């Protein structure tokens, strides 16, 4: 189905460099959260669970993408 107002997620979220901004945000926030949540394991020389670390980076990426989409969609609707 074609959206007449052009508010499809793909069209909005992947424009204006949003994925790059979300990636950079995920790198910073994911690193901070990994240090907070798994710092004791890292310092002791044990690797943290890979999937948990991966999700720690994915969450800020997804939140940034969703926030950008909602903000851009709201701006288009006005």
C-alpha atoms as a PDB file:
ATOM      1  CA  UNK A   1       0.000   0.000   0.000  1.00  0.00           C
ATOM      2  CA  UNK A   2       1.385   3.378  -0.999  1.00  0.00           C
ATOM      3  CA  UNK A   3       1.246   6.065   1.644  1.00  0.00           C
ATOM      4  CA  UNK A   4       0.057   9.319   0.051  1.00  0.00           C
ATOM      5  CA  UNK A   5       1.768  11.480   2.673  1.00  0.00           C
ATOM      6  CA  UNK A   6       5.082   9.640   2.346  1.00  0.00           C
ATOM      7  CA  UNK A   7       5.212   8.629   5.996  1.00  0.00           C
ATOM      8  CA  UNK A   8       6.433   5.063   5.505  1.00  0.00           C
ATOM      9  CA  UNK A   9       9.060   4.064   8.038  1.00  0.00           C
ATOM     10  CA  UNK A  10      11.616   3.123   5.374  1.00  0.00           C
ATOM     11  CA  UNK A  11      11.192   6.414   3.512  1.00  0.00           C
ATOM     12  CA  UNK A  12      11.566   8.581   6.586  1.00  0.00           C
ATOM     13  CA  UNK A  13      13.918   6.689   8.898  1.00  0.00           C
ATOM     14  CA  UNK A  14      16.557   6.018   6.258  1.00  0.00           C
ATOM     15  CA  UNK A  15      16.812   9.612   5.053  1.00  0.00           C
ATOM     16  CA  UNK A  16      18.938  12.589   6.114  1.00  0.00           C
ATOM     17  CA  UNK A  17      21.779  10.453   7.451  1.00  0.00           C
ATOM     18  CA  UNK A  18      19.655   8.991  10.244  1.00  0.00           C
ATOM     19  CA  UNK A  19      21.241   5.509  10.138  1.00  0.00           C
ATOM     20  CA  UNK A  20      24.729   7.015  10.464  1.00  0.00           C
ATOM     21  CA  UNK A  21      23.632   9.146  13.420  1.00  0.00           C
ATOM     22  CA  UNK A  22      21.938   6.134  15.009  1.00  0.00           C
ATOM     23  CA  UNK A  23      25.076   4.042  14.479  1.00  0.00           C
ATOM     24  CA  UNK A  24      27.300   6.655  16.137  1.00  0.00           C
ATOM     25  CA  UNK A  25      24.843   6.987  19.015  1.00  0.00           C
ATOM     26  CA  UNK A  26      24.783   3.205  19.425  1.00  0.00           C
ATOM     27  CA  UNK A  27      28.590   3.106  19.494  1.00  0.00           C
ATOM     28  CA  UNK A  28      28.797   5.651  22.299  1.00  0.00           C
ATOM     29  CA  UNK A  29      25.798   4.586  24.382  1.00  0.00           C
ATOM     30  CA  UNK A  30      26.392   0.878  23.744  1.00  0.00           C
ATOM     31  CA  UNK A  31      29.978   1.201  24.962  1.00  0.00           C
ATOM     32  CA  UNK A  32      28.906   3.015  28.115  1.00  0.00           C
ATOM     33  CA  UNK A  33      26.183   0.453  28.830  1.00  0.00           C
ATOM     34  CA  UNK A  34      28.541  -2.442  28.135  1.00  0.00           C
ATOM     35  CA  UNK A  35      31.052  -0.989  30.584  1.00  0.00           C
ATOM     36  CA  UNK A  36      28.337  -0.531  33.219  1.00  0.00           C
ATOM     37  CA  UNK A  37      26.689  -3.919  32.736  1.00  0.00           C
ATOM     38  CA  UNK A  38      29.718  -6.102  31.963  1.00  0.00           C
ATOM     39  CA  UNK A  39      32.678  -4.114  33.238  1.00  0.00           C
ATOM     40  CA  UNK A  40      33.384  -6.539  36.059  1.00  0.00           C
ATOM     41  CA  UNK A  41      33.643  -9.450  33.615  1.00  0.00           C
ATOM     42  CA  UNK A  42      35.810  -7.461  31.217  1.00  0.00           C
ATOM     43  CA  UNK A  43      38.171  -6.335  33.986  1.00  0.00           C
ATOM     44  CA  UNK A  44      38.483  -9.898  35.300  1.00  0.00           C
ATOM     45  CA  UNK A  45      39.522 -11.034  31.819  1.00  0.00           C
ATOM     46  CA  UNK A  46      36.367 -12.993  31.031  1.00  0.00           C
ATOM     47  CA  UNK A  47      34.420 -12.180  27.892  1.00  0.00           C
ATOM     48  CA  UNK A  48      30.826 -11.072  28.439  1.00  0.00           C
ATOM     49  CA  UNK A  49      28.027 -13.003  26.701  1.00  0.00           C
ATOM     50  CA  UNK A  50      28.139 -12.042  23.021  1.00  0.00           C
ATOM     51  CA  UNK A  51      24.365 -11.811  22.529  1.00  0.00           C
ATOM     52  CA  UNK A  52      23.933  -9.528  25.527  1.00  0.00           C
ATOM     53  CA  UNK A  53      26.626  -7.184  24.256  1.00  0.00           C
ATOM     54  CA  UNK A  54      25.122  -7.232  20.761  1.00  0.00           C
ATOM     55  CA  UNK A  55      21.708  -6.302  22.168  1.00  0.00           C
ATOM     56  CA  UNK A  56      23.314  -3.594  24.281  1.00  0.00           C
ATOM     57  CA  UNK A  57      24.373  -1.913  21.028  1.00  0.00           C
ATOM     58  CA  UNK A  58      21.181  -2.701  19.083  1.00  0.00           C
ATOM     59  CA  UNK A  59      18.818  -1.079  21.577  1.00  0.00           C
ATOM     60  CA  UNK A  60      20.196   2.489  21.331  1.00  0.00           C
ATOM     61  CA  UNK A  61      20.371   2.120  17.536  1.00  0.00           C
ATOM     62  CA  UNK A  62      16.702   1.123  17.348  1.00  0.00           C
ATOM     63  CA  UNK A  63      15.613   3.793  19.819  1.00  0.00           C
ATOM     64  CA  UNK A  64      17.431   6.491  17.846  1.00  0.00           C
ATOM     65  CA  UNK A  65      15.921   5.297  14.563  1.00  0.00           C
ATOM     66  CA  UNK A  66      12.413   5.162  16.047  1.00  0.00           C
ATOM     67  CA  UNK A  67      12.745   8.595  17.665  1.00  0.00           C
ATOM     68  CA  UNK A  68      13.930  10.112  14.396  1.00  0.00           C
ATOM     69  CA  UNK A  69      11.027   8.502  12.536  1.00  0.00           C
ATOM     70  CA  UNK A  70       8.440   9.768  15.023  1.00  0.00           C
ATOM     71  CA  UNK A  71       9.935  13.261  14.982  1.00  0.00           C
ATOM     72  CA  UNK A  72      10.098  13.463  11.191  1.00  0.00           C
ATOM     73  CA  UNK A  73       6.620  11.996  10.800  1.00  0.00           C
ATOM     74  CA  UNK A  74       5.221  14.565  13.229  1.00  0.00           C
ATOM     75  CA  UNK A  75       6.926  17.352  11.306  1.00  0.00           C
ATOM     76  CA  UNK A  76       5.473  16.071   8.010  1.00  0.00           C
ATOM     77  CA  UNK A  77       1.975  15.886   9.505  1.00  0.00           C
ATOM     78  CA  UNK A  78       2.029  19.565  10.458  1.00  0.00           C
END
